[in-house]
Amino acid sequence: MPGEITLLEYAGDGDSNLDHAGAIYSAGSTTGCVKVYQHSSRHRNITLSAIIKRRKGVTVYVAHITPHWY
């Protein structure tokens, strides 16, 4: 869903830390329809499927934020 955060772990970098994050701003039913906004100007308007293809072995986590209004 728009507003959720993608967290990426790159394979083969020698650690198990999360390596990158981006914000989903457009969603769809496939990874080719999910658009992710990132800080790098080269990759601001990129699909989730392009991220997966570019980084072989990447693990993608999606953080769903549930607001708790008081």
N, C-alpha and C. Protein backbone atom coordinates (compact mmCIF):
# COMPACT_ATOMS: atom_id res chain seq x y z
N MET A 1 0.84 -1.18 0.00
CA MET A 1 0.00 0.00 0.00
C MET A 1 0.89 1.25 0.00
N PRO A 2 0.45 2.31 -0.62
CA PRO A 2 1.22 3.56 -0.56
C PRO A 2 1.46 3.97 0.89
N GLY A 3 2.67 4.42 1.15
CA GLY A 3 3.06 4.82 2.49
C GLY A 3 3.82 3.76 3.25
N GLU A 4 3.78 2.52 2.78
CA GLU A 4 4.55 1.47 3.43
C GLU A 4 6.02 1.60 3.05
N ILE A 5 6.87 1.02 3.85
CA ILE A 5 8.32 1.14 3.66
C ILE A 5 8.89 -0.19 3.19
N THR A 6 9.74 -0.13 2.14
CA THR A 6 10.46 -1.33 1.71
C THR A 6 11.83 -1.31 2.38
N LEU A 7 12.22 -2.44 2.93
CA LEU A 7 13.53 -2.60 3.56
C LEU A 7 14.27 -3.69 2.80
N LEU A 8 15.47 -3.40 2.37
CA LEU A 8 16.21 -4.32 1.51
C LEU A 8 17.45 -4.86 2.20
N GLU A 9 17.66 -6.16 2.06
CA GLU A 9 18.88 -6.81 2.53
C GLU A 9 19.57 -7.37 1.30
N TYR A 10 20.77 -6.86 1.00
CA TYR A 10 21.52 -7.29 -0.16
C TYR A 10 22.29 -8.56 0.14
N ALA A 11 22.14 -9.56 -0.70
CA ALA A 11 22.87 -10.83 -0.55
C ALA A 11 24.34 -10.63 -0.86
N GLY A 12 25.17 -11.37 -0.15
CA GLY A 12 26.60 -11.37 -0.45
C GLY A 12 27.37 -10.17 0.06
N ASP A 13 26.77 -9.35 0.92
CA ASP A 13 27.51 -8.19 1.42
C ASP A 13 28.21 -8.48 2.76
N GLY A 14 28.10 -9.73 3.23
CA GLY A 14 28.83 -10.14 4.40
C GLY A 14 28.17 -9.88 5.73
N ASP A 15 26.96 -9.39 5.72
CA ASP A 15 26.27 -9.18 6.99
C ASP A 15 24.78 -9.46 6.82
N SER A 16 24.06 -9.39 7.91
CA SER A 16 22.61 -9.62 7.85
C SER A 16 21.85 -8.35 8.19
N ASN A 17 22.51 -7.20 8.07
CA ASN A 17 21.86 -5.93 8.35
C ASN A 17 21.03 -5.49 7.16
N LEU A 18 20.01 -4.71 7.43
CA LEU A 18 19.23 -4.10 6.35
C LEU A 18 20.11 -3.05 5.68
N ASP A 19 20.08 -3.01 4.35
CA ASP A 19 21.00 -2.15 3.62
C ASP A 19 20.37 -0.90 3.02
N HIS A 20 19.08 -0.91 2.78
CA HIS A 20 18.45 0.23 2.11
C HIS A 20 16.97 0.26 2.43
N ALA A 21 16.37 1.43 2.26
CA ALA A 21 14.93 1.58 2.48
C ALA A 21 14.36 2.51 1.41
N GLY A 22 13.10 2.33 1.13
CA GLY A 22 12.38 3.19 0.20
C GLY A 22 10.92 3.24 0.60
N ALA A 23 10.20 4.19 0.07
CA ALA A 23 8.78 4.34 0.39
C ALA A 23 7.94 3.97 -0.83
N ILE A 24 6.93 3.17 -0.62
CA ILE A 24 6.00 2.81 -1.70
C ILE A 24 5.04 3.98 -1.90
N TYR A 25 4.94 4.45 -3.15
CA TYR A 25 4.01 5.54 -3.42
C TYR A 25 2.92 5.17 -4.41
N SER A 26 3.01 4.00 -4.99
CA SER A 26 1.97 3.52 -5.88
C SER A 26 1.99 2.00 -5.81
N ALA A 27 0.83 1.39 -5.68
CA ALA A 27 0.77 -0.06 -5.51
C ALA A 27 -0.11 -0.70 -6.57
N GLY A 28 0.10 -1.99 -6.77
CA GLY A 28 -0.68 -2.76 -7.71
C GLY A 28 -0.63 -4.22 -7.31
N SER A 29 -1.10 -5.08 -8.19
CA SER A 29 -1.19 -6.50 -7.86
C SER A 29 0.09 -7.29 -8.15
N THR A 30 1.08 -6.68 -8.82
CA THR A 30 2.34 -7.36 -9.12
C THR A 30 3.50 -6.45 -8.73
N THR A 31 4.71 -7.03 -8.63
CA THR A 31 5.88 -6.22 -8.29
C THR A 31 6.20 -5.20 -9.39
N GLY A 32 5.75 -5.46 -10.60
CA GLY A 32 5.95 -4.51 -11.70
C GLY A 32 5.06 -3.29 -11.59
N CYS A 33 4.04 -3.36 -10.77
CA CYS A 33 3.12 -2.24 -10.58
C CYS A 33 3.43 -1.43 -9.32
N VAL A 34 4.26 -1.97 -8.43
CA VAL A 34 4.59 -1.28 -7.19
C VAL A 34 5.72 -0.30 -7.46
N LYS A 35 5.47 1.00 -7.25
CA LYS A 35 6.49 2.03 -7.46
C LYS A 35 7.09 2.43 -6.12
N VAL A 36 8.41 2.52 -6.10
CA VAL A 36 9.14 2.84 -4.87
C VAL A 36 9.90 4.15 -5.07
N TYR A 37 9.81 5.03 -4.08
CA TYR A 37 10.55 6.28 -4.09
C TYR A 37 11.76 6.12 -3.18
N GLN A 38 12.96 6.45 -3.71
CA GLN A 38 14.20 6.34 -2.96
C GLN A 38 14.95 7.67 -3.03
N HIS A 39 15.95 7.84 -2.20
CA HIS A 39 16.67 9.11 -2.14
C HIS A 39 17.58 9.35 -3.34
N SER A 40 18.03 8.32 -3.99
CA SER A 40 18.93 8.47 -5.13
C SER A 40 18.15 8.93 -6.36
N SER A 41 18.60 9.98 -7.02
CA SER A 41 17.87 10.52 -8.18
C SER A 41 17.75 9.51 -9.31
N ARG A 42 18.73 8.59 -9.43
CA ARG A 42 18.66 7.56 -10.47
C ARG A 42 17.56 6.55 -10.23
N HIS A 43 17.15 6.40 -8.98
CA HIS A 43 16.21 5.34 -8.63
C HIS A 43 14.98 5.85 -7.90
N ARG A 44 14.59 7.09 -8.15
CA ARG A 44 13.42 7.63 -7.45
C ARG A 44 12.12 7.04 -7.95
N ASN A 45 12.00 6.84 -9.22
CA ASN A 45 10.76 6.33 -9.80
C ASN A 45 11.06 4.95 -10.37
N ILE A 46 11.06 3.94 -9.49
CA ILE A 46 11.47 2.60 -9.90
C ILE A 46 10.45 1.58 -9.40
N THR A 47 10.28 0.53 -10.15
CA THR A 47 9.34 -0.51 -9.71
C THR A 47 10.06 -1.50 -8.79
N LEU A 48 9.28 -2.16 -7.98
CA LEU A 48 9.85 -3.17 -7.09
C LEU A 48 10.49 -4.30 -7.89
N SER A 49 9.90 -4.67 -9.02
CA SER A 49 10.49 -5.73 -9.84
C SER A 49 11.86 -5.30 -10.40
N ALA A 50 12.04 -4.03 -10.73
CA ALA A 50 13.34 -3.55 -11.21
C ALA A 50 14.40 -3.61 -10.10
N ILE A 51 13.98 -3.31 -8.87
CA ILE A 51 14.91 -3.41 -7.73
C ILE A 51 15.36 -4.86 -7.56
N ILE A 52 14.41 -5.78 -7.63
CA ILE A 52 14.72 -7.20 -7.46
C ILE A 52 15.64 -7.70 -8.57
N LYS A 53 15.41 -7.27 -9.80
CA LYS A 53 16.26 -7.69 -10.93
C LYS A 53 17.67 -7.10 -10.83
N ARG A 54 17.77 -5.87 -10.36
CA ARG A 54 19.05 -5.17 -10.29
C ARG A 54 19.97 -5.77 -9.23
N ARG A 55 19.41 -6.22 -8.14
CA ARG A 55 20.20 -6.77 -7.03
C ARG A 55 19.90 -8.25 -6.88
N LYS A 56 20.69 -9.09 -7.49
CA LYS A 56 20.47 -10.54 -7.44
C LYS A 56 20.53 -11.01 -5.98
N GLY A 57 19.55 -11.79 -5.58
CA GLY A 57 19.52 -12.34 -4.23
C GLY A 57 19.03 -11.39 -3.16
N VAL A 58 18.48 -10.25 -3.55
CA VAL A 58 17.99 -9.29 -2.55
C VAL A 58 16.75 -9.85 -1.84
N THR A 59 16.67 -9.59 -0.55
CA THR A 59 15.47 -9.92 0.21
C THR A 59 14.74 -8.62 0.48
N VAL A 60 13.45 -8.60 0.17
CA VAL A 60 12.64 -7.40 0.35
C VAL A 60 11.65 -7.62 1.48
N TYR A 61 11.67 -6.72 2.44
CA TYR A 61 10.69 -6.72 3.52
C TYR A 61 9.82 -5.48 3.34
N VAL A 62 8.54 -5.61 3.63
CA VAL A 62 7.64 -4.46 3.57
C VAL A 62 7.12 -4.20 4.96
N ALA A 63 7.36 -3.00 5.45
CA ALA A 63 6.90 -2.60 6.78
C ALA A 63 5.56 -1.88 6.64
N HIS A 64 4.54 -2.48 7.21
CA HIS A 64 3.21 -1.87 7.20
C HIS A 64 3.07 -1.06 8.49
N ILE A 65 2.79 0.20 8.33
CA ILE A 65 2.67 1.08 9.49
C ILE A 65 1.19 1.25 9.83
N THR A 66 0.84 0.88 11.03
CA THR A 66 -0.53 1.04 11.51
C THR A 66 -0.57 2.17 12.52
N PRO A 67 -1.21 3.28 12.17
CA PRO A 67 -1.26 4.39 13.13
C PRO A 67 -2.20 4.07 14.29
N HIS A 68 -1.84 4.52 15.45
CA HIS A 68 -2.69 4.40 16.63
C HIS A 68 -3.00 5.81 17.12
N TRP A 69 -4.16 6.27 16.75
CA TRP A 69 -4.56 7.63 17.11
C TRP A 69 -5.13 7.65 18.50
N TYR A 70 -4.67 8.58 19.28
CA TYR A 70 -5.14 8.69 20.67
C TYR A 70 -5.94 9.95 20.84
